């Protein structure tokens, strides 16, 4: 992933919920491969409340294509 794309993804990880912001910022600091970054970018299109429910494990209602990235986010 090039530097510009990395900066865009980092900016998109800034959220309104502090808990979500902390998890995402910690996660995006790691080097992501292009396919993984694309999936994360799509996942970040969700609303904060829905995204936090998924990341925190309170909801299992998400597209199966997000399974890998969700598992890694939950492990942070």
Protein backbone atom coordinates (compact mmCIF):
# COMPACT_ATOMS: atom_id res chain seq x y z
CA UNK A 1 0.00 0.00 0.00
CA UNK A 2 1.43 3.38 -0.91
CA UNK A 3 1.88 6.22 1.57
CA UNK A 4 -1.12 8.24 0.37
CA UNK A 5 -3.45 5.25 0.70
CA UNK A 6 -2.04 4.53 4.17
CA UNK A 7 -2.71 8.12 5.26
CA UNK A 8 -6.27 8.00 3.91
CA UNK A 9 -6.98 4.77 5.74
CA UNK A 10 -5.48 6.19 8.94
CA UNK A 11 -7.70 9.26 8.63
CA UNK A 12 -10.78 7.12 7.99
CA UNK A 13 -10.01 5.19 11.20
CA UNK A 14 -10.55 8.34 13.26
CA UNK A 15 -14.00 7.86 14.72
CA UNK A 16 -16.42 9.51 17.13
CA UNK A 17 -16.34 6.72 19.70
CA UNK A 18 -13.14 6.78 21.75
CA UNK A 19 -13.09 3.00 22.21
CA UNK A 20 -13.41 2.41 18.49
CA UNK A 21 -10.88 5.12 17.71
CA UNK A 22 -8.31 3.48 20.00
CA UNK A 23 -8.77 0.00 18.55
CA UNK A 24 -8.67 1.20 14.95
CA UNK A 25 -5.67 3.49 15.42
CA UNK A 26 -3.73 0.69 17.09
CA UNK A 27 -4.68 -1.72 14.32
CA UNK A 28 -3.92 0.56 11.37
CA UNK A 29 -0.43 1.32 12.69
CA UNK A 30 0.49 -2.23 11.69
CA UNK A 31 1.55 -2.81 8.11
CA UNK A 32 -1.49 -3.93 6.10
CA UNK A 33 -1.37 -5.64 2.75
CA UNK A 34 -3.46 -4.16 -0.07
CA UNK A 35 -6.32 -6.72 -0.04
CA UNK A 36 -6.63 -6.45 3.74
CA UNK A 37 -6.62 -2.64 3.56
CA UNK A 38 -9.42 -2.70 0.98
CA UNK A 39 -11.58 -4.90 3.19
CA UNK A 40 -10.92 -2.66 6.20
CA UNK A 41 -11.80 0.38 4.10
CA UNK A 42 -15.17 -1.19 3.24
CA UNK A 43 -15.78 -2.14 6.87
CA UNK A 44 -15.12 1.46 7.91
CA UNK A 45 -18.12 2.56 5.85
CA UNK A 46 -20.36 1.25 8.67
CA UNK A 47 -21.76 3.62 11.27
CA UNK A 48 -19.76 3.89 14.50
CA UNK A 49 -22.39 2.15 16.65
CA UNK A 50 -22.71 -0.80 14.26
CA UNK A 51 -18.94 -1.06 13.80
CA UNK A 52 -18.33 -1.00 17.56
CA UNK A 53 -20.95 -3.73 18.10
CA UNK A 54 -19.10 -5.91 15.59
CA UNK A 55 -15.58 -5.15 16.86
CA UNK A 56 -16.56 -5.61 20.51
CA UNK A 57 -18.23 -8.95 19.74
CA UNK A 58 -21.76 -7.88 20.59
CA UNK A 59 -22.92 -8.44 17.03
CA UNK A 60 -22.20 -11.23 14.58
CA UNK A 61 -24.33 -9.63 11.86
CA UNK A 62 -21.83 -8.67 9.20
CA UNK A 63 -20.81 -9.73 5.71
CA UNK A 64 -18.72 -12.93 5.77
CA UNK A 65 -16.01 -11.20 3.72
CA UNK A 66 -15.20 -9.17 6.85
CA UNK A 67 -14.62 -12.26 9.02
CA UNK A 68 -10.82 -12.19 8.85
CA UNK A 69 -10.41 -8.48 9.55
CA UNK A 70 -13.03 -8.58 12.32
CA UNK A 71 -11.18 -11.44 14.00
CA UNK A 72 -7.94 -9.44 13.90
CA UNK A 73 -9.67 -6.30 15.21
CA UNK A 74 -11.17 -8.24 18.10
CA UNK A 75 -7.72 -9.53 18.99
CA UNK A 76 -6.31 -5.99 19.39
